[in-house]
Amino acid sequence: MKKTNFFQLLSFLTITLIFFGCKSESSISTLRLGHALDTQHPVHKAMVILGQEIEKQSQGKLKLNIYPSGQLGGERECLELLQIGSLDITKVSAAVLENFIPEYKVFSVPYMFRDKAHTFSVFDSEIGESLLLKGEKFRLRGLTFYDAGSRSFYMKEAPIKSPSDLVGKKIRVQKSNMAVAMVNDLGGSPTPISWGELYTALQQGVVDGAENNPPSFFTSKHYEVCKYYSLDEHTAVPDVLLIGTDTWSRLTDQQKEWVKKAVRVSTIAQRELWAASEKESIAAVKKAGVQIVYPEKKPFEEQTKGILKMFDGNQEMKNIITSIKKQQ
């Protein structure tokens, strides 16, 4: 019954959005952004800045309405609303996008980036710009990469100090083939579970642990269940801000410039917000009794190198990986 009600509600929201969204086919004065994050999350705060900047750039002629906390569904639902034109902008993890845009798998390759400076250099380069536009054939145009830090393992019963500690452990992963392959290579048992159901799954022992960045570990309150956080920092999977190609095509050239400028301001602010949030989150979970572990990363990197073989028959992906590695 609950599932039926959810889909009925989602259908109603979709129809409502279509109705209001189609009132003016020739002009847009308000953009609608839906996402699944908590309002305290640094990415949401960056989106608030995005809205403020759009209004500032346009002198009030263009506005942004934000629907946070999964009001319009999870990441996949928001993507689908974007594709049919019932939503204008959304934020999703690059790991979710790889199911739509295969090239995004590159972000889930373990230890792809050398450090934070290298990561940002790639995001802001021609490589990043090219990847943002890869989704246009799927009606998804990337606007920017938001920093989502590095993902690390957190566990209920014992810390992860080496890959051998993952053997036989049930680890929640995103619905990403790359994430599944990584945990398999490390000896764990990957278990895809939606973000909204994870707290209960950890509590009930459906999984032994999960992996994510510090702010998400903190804001989700998973630290209440998992008291061991091992900062192996295996992947740096960004969040991607997307606009539907239907919406983008209906914006005037002037409106597109307003959006581009606002996105850049928002991106810079988000990186600062993220850095501050990471420090605050680590301090907060420590205070709550979480043991922070700093394992040697090399064994994890060595054990997951085989993932690159997945691209042996894909020259385009191999070229993207080579370009990222060469990026200064």
Protein backbone atom coordinates (compact mmCIF):
# COMPACT_ATOMS: atom_id res chain seq x y z
CA MET A 1 0.00 0.00 0.00
CA LYS A 2 2.79 2.39 0.90
CA LYS A 3 4.54 1.73 -2.43
CA THR A 4 1.28 2.32 -4.32
CA ASN A 5 0.69 5.60 -2.50
CA PHE A 6 4.23 6.75 -3.28
CA PHE A 7 3.84 6.14 -6.99
CA GLN A 8 0.39 7.75 -6.98
CA LEU A 9 1.89 10.81 -5.29
CA LEU A 10 4.81 10.87 -7.73
CA SER A 11 2.43 10.63 -10.68
CA PHE A 12 0.35 13.46 -9.26
CA LEU A 13 3.42 15.63 -8.78
CA THR A 14 4.59 14.84 -12.30
CA ILE A 15 1.24 15.80 -13.82
CA THR A 16 1.13 18.96 -11.69
CA LEU A 17 4.63 19.95 -12.77
CA ILE A 18 3.82 19.29 -16.41
CA PHE A 19 0.69 21.44 -16.11
CA PHE A 20 2.43 24.40 -14.54
CA GLY A 21 5.60 23.91 -16.56
CA CYS A 22 3.72 24.03 -19.84
CA LYS A 23 1.76 27.21 -19.15
CA SER A 24 4.31 29.16 -21.17
CA GLU A 25 6.16 27.27 -23.86
CA SER A 26 7.85 30.37 -25.27
CA SER A 27 9.33 31.90 -22.12
CA ILE A 28 10.71 30.86 -18.75
CA SER A 29 10.69 33.12 -15.71
CA THR A 30 11.13 30.49 -12.99
CA LEU A 31 13.37 27.42 -12.96
CA ARG A 32 12.50 24.44 -10.75
CA LEU A 33 15.28 22.48 -9.06
CA GLY A 34 14.56 19.24 -7.22
CA HIS A 35 17.04 17.11 -5.26
CA ALA A 36 17.22 14.50 -2.49
CA LEU A 37 19.66 16.14 -0.06
CA ASP A 38 19.00 17.53 3.40
CA THR A 39 18.81 21.33 3.65
CA GLN A 40 21.90 21.36 5.91
CA HIS A 41 24.02 19.70 3.24
CA PRO A 42 26.71 21.93 1.66
CA VAL A 43 25.47 21.10 -1.84
CA HIS A 44 21.98 22.34 -0.98
CA LYS A 45 23.48 25.52 0.47
CA ALA A 46 25.36 26.01 -2.81
CA MET A 47 22.08 25.65 -4.70
CA VAL A 48 20.55 28.37 -2.53
CA ILE A 49 23.48 30.59 -3.58
CA LEU A 50 22.80 29.55 -7.18
CA GLY A 51 19.22 30.80 -6.87
CA GLN A 52 20.30 34.06 -5.26
CA GLU A 53 22.88 34.63 -7.98
CA ILE A 54 20.43 33.87 -10.82
CA GLU A 55 18.04 36.44 -9.38
CA LYS A 56 20.88 38.94 -8.94
CA GLN A 57 22.29 38.44 -12.45
CA SER A 58 18.84 38.77 -14.02
CA GLN A 59 17.67 41.60 -11.74
CA GLY A 60 14.71 39.48 -10.74
CA LYS A 61 13.68 38.47 -14.26
CA LEU A 62 14.65 34.83 -13.69
CA LYS A 63 14.17 32.93 -10.44
CA LEU A 64 14.93 29.49 -9.02
CA ASN A 65 12.54 27.48 -6.86
CA ILE A 66 14.21 24.63 -4.93
CA TYR A 67 12.48 21.43 -3.79
CA PRO A 68 14.95 19.68 -1.42
CA SER A 69 14.90 16.53 0.73
CA GLY A 70 13.38 14.21 -1.87
CA GLN A 71 10.10 16.13 -2.17
CA LEU A 72 9.97 15.12 -5.85
CA GLY A 73 11.57 11.71 -5.38
CA GLY A 74 15.09 10.34 -5.26
CA GLU A 75 17.90 10.99 -7.71
CA ARG A 76 16.64 8.62 -10.37
CA GLU A 77 13.09 10.00 -10.19
CA CYS A 78 14.39 13.57 -10.52
CA LEU A 79 16.46 12.56 -13.54
CA GLU A 80 13.40 11.07 -15.19
CA LEU A 81 11.35 14.21 -14.44
CA LEU A 82 14.17 16.22 -16.04
CA GLN A 83 14.11 14.05 -19.15
CA ILE A 84 10.38 14.51 -19.72
CA GLY A 85 10.56 18.25 -19.06
CA SER A 86 8.61 18.26 -15.79
CA LEU A 87 11.62 19.52 -13.84
CA ASP A 88 14.30 21.97 -14.98
CA ILE A 89 17.40 21.29 -12.85
CA THR A 90 18.55 18.55 -10.50
CA LYS A 91 21.65 17.25 -8.74
CA VAL A 92 22.71 13.63 -8.89
CA SER A 93 25.81 11.66 -8.08
CA ALA A 94 28.02 10.80 -11.05
CA ALA A 95 27.70 7.17 -9.92
CA VAL A 96 23.96 7.26 -10.63
CA LEU A 97 24.57 9.00 -13.95
CA GLU A 98 26.80 6.19 -15.19
CA ASN A 99 23.61 4.17 -15.71
CA PHE A 100 22.53 6.81 -18.24
CA ILE A 101 25.87 8.10 -19.50
CA PRO A 102 28.56 5.34 -19.65
CA GLU A 103 31.48 7.81 -19.68
CA TYR A 104 30.68 8.80 -16.09
CA LYS A 105 32.06 5.44 -14.98
CA VAL A 106 35.47 7.12 -15.02
CA PHE A 107 34.67 8.87 -11.73
CA SER A 108 34.12 5.55 -9.99
CA VAL A 109 37.54 4.18 -10.88
CA PRO A 110 39.39 3.85 -7.54
CA TYR A 111 42.24 6.32 -6.98
CA MET A 112 41.68 8.08 -10.32
CA PHE A 113 42.69 11.45 -8.86
CA ARG A 114 46.02 12.29 -7.22
CA ASP A 115 44.69 14.92 -4.83
CA LYS A 116 42.08 17.66 -4.49
CA ALA A 117 43.96 20.07 -6.78
CA HIS A 118 44.10 17.44 -9.53
CA THR A 119 40.40 16.71 -9.06
CA PHE A 120 39.37 20.35 -9.48
CA SER A 121 41.75 20.77 -12.41
CA VAL A 122 39.96 17.94 -14.23
CA PHE A 123 36.49 19.26 -13.36
CA ASP A 124 37.36 22.71 -14.72
CA SER A 125 39.21 21.50 -17.83
CA GLU A 126 38.11 20.67 -21.36
CA ILE A 127 37.85 17.06 -20.15
CA GLY A 128 35.26 18.09 -17.57
CA GLU A 129 33.37 20.28 -20.05
CA SER A 130 33.25 17.43 -22.54
CA LEU A 131 31.89 15.03 -19.91
CA LEU A 132 29.22 17.53 -18.84
CA LEU A 133 27.87 17.57 -22.40
CA LYS A 134 27.94 13.78 -22.89
CA GLY A 135 24.39 13.48 -21.58
CA GLU A 136 22.74 15.74 -24.14
CA LYS A 137 21.65 12.78 -26.24
CA PHE A 138 19.80 11.57 -23.13
CA ARG A 139 18.19 15.04 -22.65
CA LEU A 140 20.56 15.82 -19.76
CA ARG A 141 22.99 18.75 -20.02
CA GLY A 142 25.60 19.07 -17.29
CA LEU A 143 26.13 22.54 -15.81
CA THR A 144 28.92 21.90 -13.31
CA PHE A 145 30.60 19.39 -11.02
CA TYR A 146 30.05 19.96 -7.32
CA ASP A 147 32.70 18.61 -4.98
CA ALA A 148 31.48 15.53 -3.12
CA GLY A 149 34.81 14.77 -1.45
CA SER A 150 36.24 11.29 -1.25
CA ARG A 151 34.30 8.17 -0.33
CA SER A 152 35.51 5.91 2.48
CA PHE A 153 34.22 2.87 4.36
CA TYR A 154 32.28 3.03 7.63
CA MET A 155 31.38 -0.07 9.62
CA LYS A 156 29.28 -1.23 12.56
CA GLU A 157 31.48 -3.83 14.26
CA ALA A 158 35.15 -3.20 13.43
CA PRO A 159 37.31 -0.77 11.41
CA ILE A 160 38.65 -1.41 7.92
CA LYS A 161 42.44 -1.23 8.17
CA SER A 162 43.30 -3.28 5.09
CA PRO A 163 41.40 -4.92 2.21
CA SER A 164 41.34 -8.22 4.11
CA ASP A 165 39.01 -6.62 6.68
CA LEU A 166 36.35 -6.34 3.97
CA VAL A 167 36.33 -10.05 3.10
CA GLY A 168 32.82 -11.43 3.50
CA LYS A 169 31.38 -8.11 4.70
CA LYS A 170 28.12 -6.86 3.24
CA ILE A 171 28.76 -3.31 2.06
CA ARG A 172 26.06 -0.98 0.82
CA VAL A 173 26.92 0.57 -2.52
CA GLN A 174 25.13 2.89 -4.92
CA LYS A 175 23.41 1.34 -7.92
CA SER A 176 26.65 1.53 -9.87
CA ASN A 177 28.39 -1.33 -11.67
CA MET A 178 31.72 0.29 -10.87
CA ALA A 179 31.00 0.46 -7.14
CA VAL A 180 29.92 -3.18 -7.20
CA ALA A 181 33.13 -4.19 -9.01
CA MET A 182 35.30 -2.27 -6.53
CA VAL A 183 33.81 -3.91 -3.44
CA ASN A 184 34.00 -7.32 -5.14
CA ASP A 185 37.71 -6.78 -5.87
CA LEU A 186 38.29 -5.90 -2.22
CA GLY A 187 36.64 -9.16 -1.12
CA GLY A 188 33.40 -7.68 0.16
CA SER A 189 29.82 -8.42 -0.77
CA PRO A 190 28.35 -5.33 -2.53
CA THR A 191 24.72 -4.66 -1.69
CA PRO A 192 22.89 -1.89 -3.60
CA ILE A 193 20.41 -0.13 -1.30
CA SER A 194 18.76 3.25 -1.78
CA TRP A 195 20.13 6.08 0.35
CA GLY A 196 16.81 6.64 2.10
CA GLU A 197 16.64 3.01 3.28
CA LEU A 198 20.26 2.72 4.41
CA TYR A 199 19.94 3.87 8.03
CA THR A 200 17.40 1.12 8.74
CA ALA A 201 19.43 -1.44 6.77
CA LEU A 202 22.48 -0.69 8.93
CA GLN A 203 20.43 -0.76 12.10
CA GLN A 204 18.87 -4.13 11.26
CA GLY A 205 22.11 -5.72 10.07
CA VAL A 206 21.05 -6.06 6.44
CA VAL A 207 24.53 -4.70 5.68
CA ASP A 208 27.68 -4.50 7.81
CA GLY A 209 28.71 -1.10 6.56
CA ALA A 210 28.69 1.41 3.74
CA GLU A 211 30.92 3.97 2.04
CA ASN A 212 30.52 7.68 1.60
CA ASN A 213 32.06 11.08 2.26
CA PRO A 214 32.25 12.71 5.74
CA PRO A 215 29.39 15.24 5.36
CA SER A 216 27.00 12.53 4.10
CA PHE A 217 28.10 10.17 6.89
CA PHE A 218 27.32 12.93 9.41
CA THR A 219 24.13 14.50 8.00
CA SER A 220 22.57 11.05 7.44
CA LYS A 221 23.25 10.22 11.13
CA HIS A 222 24.76 6.89 10.08
CA TYR A 223 27.42 7.58 12.74
CA GLU A 224 24.75 6.66 15.31
CA VAL A 225 24.95 3.07 14.04
CA CYS A 226 28.47 2.83 12.58
CA LYS A 227 31.25 3.68 15.02
CA TYR A 228 34.24 3.01 12.73
CA TYR A 229 35.16 5.27 9.82
CA SER A 230 38.23 4.32 7.77
CA LEU A 231 39.44 7.14 5.53
CA ASP A 232 40.83 5.06 2.67
CA GLU A 233 39.39 7.66 0.21
CA HIS A 234 38.95 5.15 -2.60
CA THR A 235 36.95 7.30 -5.01
CA ALA A 236 36.18 10.98 -5.60
CA VAL A 237 32.76 10.79 -7.24
CA PRO A 238 31.39 14.31 -7.83
CA ASP A 239 27.83 15.52 -7.75
CA VAL A 240 26.62 16.80 -11.10
CA LEU A 241 24.27 19.73 -11.55
CA LEU A 242 22.09 19.07 -14.61
CA ILE A 243 19.55 21.01 -16.63
CA GLY A 244 17.10 19.36 -18.99
CA THR A 245 17.89 19.98 -22.66
CA ASP A 246 14.23 20.94 -23.18
CA THR A 247 14.59 23.73 -20.61
CA TRP A 248 18.01 24.78 -21.92
CA SER A 249 16.71 25.10 -25.48
CA ARG A 250 13.85 27.36 -24.31
CA LEU A 251 16.14 29.75 -22.44
CA THR A 252 17.15 32.89 -24.31
CA ASP A 253 20.85 33.56 -24.92
CA GLN A 254 20.72 36.20 -22.17
CA GLN A 255 19.12 33.76 -19.71
CA LYS A 256 21.76 31.15 -20.51
CA GLU A 257 24.48 33.69 -19.66
CA TRP A 258 22.78 34.48 -16.35
CA VAL A 259 22.62 30.78 -15.51
CA LYS A 260 26.25 30.13 -16.52
CA LYS A 261 27.56 33.01 -14.39
CA ALA A 262 25.42 31.96 -11.43
CA VAL A 263 26.59 28.37 -11.74
CA ARG A 264 30.23 29.45 -11.62
CA VAL A 265 29.69 31.54 -8.47
CA SER A 266 27.79 28.64 -6.91
CA THR A 267 30.56 26.16 -7.80
CA ILE A 268 33.28 28.25 -6.16
CA ALA A 269 31.13 28.76 -3.06
CA GLN A 270 30.27 25.06 -2.90
CA ARG A 271 33.93 24.03 -2.76
CA GLU A 272 34.49 26.34 0.21
CA LEU A 273 31.32 25.13 1.91
CA TRP A 274 32.37 21.51 1.30
CA ALA A 275 35.86 21.95 2.78
CA ALA A 276 34.39 23.53 5.91
CA SER A 277 31.70 20.86 6.16
CA GLU A 278 34.25 18.02 5.92
CA LYS A 279 36.19 19.40 8.90
CA GLU A 280 33.02 19.99 10.91
CA SER A 281 31.66 16.53 10.09
CA ILE A 282 34.83 14.69 11.12
CA ALA A 283 34.94 16.66 14.39
CA ALA A 284 31.25 15.98 15.04
CA VAL A 285 31.39 12.21 14.48
CA LYS A 286 34.54 11.98 16.62
CA LYS A 287 32.68 13.75 19.40
CA ALA A 288 29.85 11.23 18.97
CA GLY A 289 32.28 8.37 19.63
CA VAL A 290 33.26 7.33 16.12
CA GLN A 291 36.78 5.94 15.76
CA ILE A 292 38.53 7.53 12.77
CA VAL A 293 41.07 5.24 11.08
CA TYR A 294 43.68 6.28 8.49
CA PRO A 295 44.62 3.05 6.66
CA GLU A 296 47.52 2.73 4.22
CA LYS A 297 45.91 3.43 0.82
CA LYS A 298 48.39 1.57 -1.39
CA PRO A 299 47.00 -1.95 -0.68
CA PHE A 300 43.50 -0.76 -1.61
CA GLU A 301 44.79 0.85 -4.79
CA GLU A 302 46.74 -2.25 -5.80
CA GLN A 303 43.83 -4.60 -5.18
CA THR A 304 41.42 -2.56 -7.30
CA LYS A 305 43.70 -1.97 -10.31
CA GLY A 306 41.96 -4.79 -12.19
CA ILE A 307 38.91 -2.54 -12.65
CA LEU A 308 40.73 -0.78 -15.48
CA LYS A 309 40.54 -4.03 -17.48
CA MET A 310 36.80 -3.38 -17.79
CA PHE A 311 37.69 -0.75 -20.41
CA ASP A 312 40.09 -2.85 -22.51
CA GLY A 313 37.67 -2.89 -25.44
CA ASN A 314 36.60 0.73 -25.08
CA GLN A 315 39.11 3.10 -26.65
CA GLU A 316 37.09 6.21 -25.79
CA MET A 317 37.11 5.39 -22.08
CA LYS A 318 40.82 4.57 -22.20
CA ASN A 319 41.46 7.95 -23.81
CA ILE A 320 39.46 9.77 -21.11
CA ILE A 321 41.38 7.96 -18.35
CA THR A 322 44.72 8.77 -20.00
CA SER A 323 43.72 12.44 -20.33
CA ILE A 324 42.71 12.62 -16.67
CA LYS A 325 45.98 11.03 -15.55
CA LYS A 326 47.97 13.53 -17.64
CA GLN A 327 46.02 16.56 -16.42
CA GLN A 328 48.15 18.83 -14.25
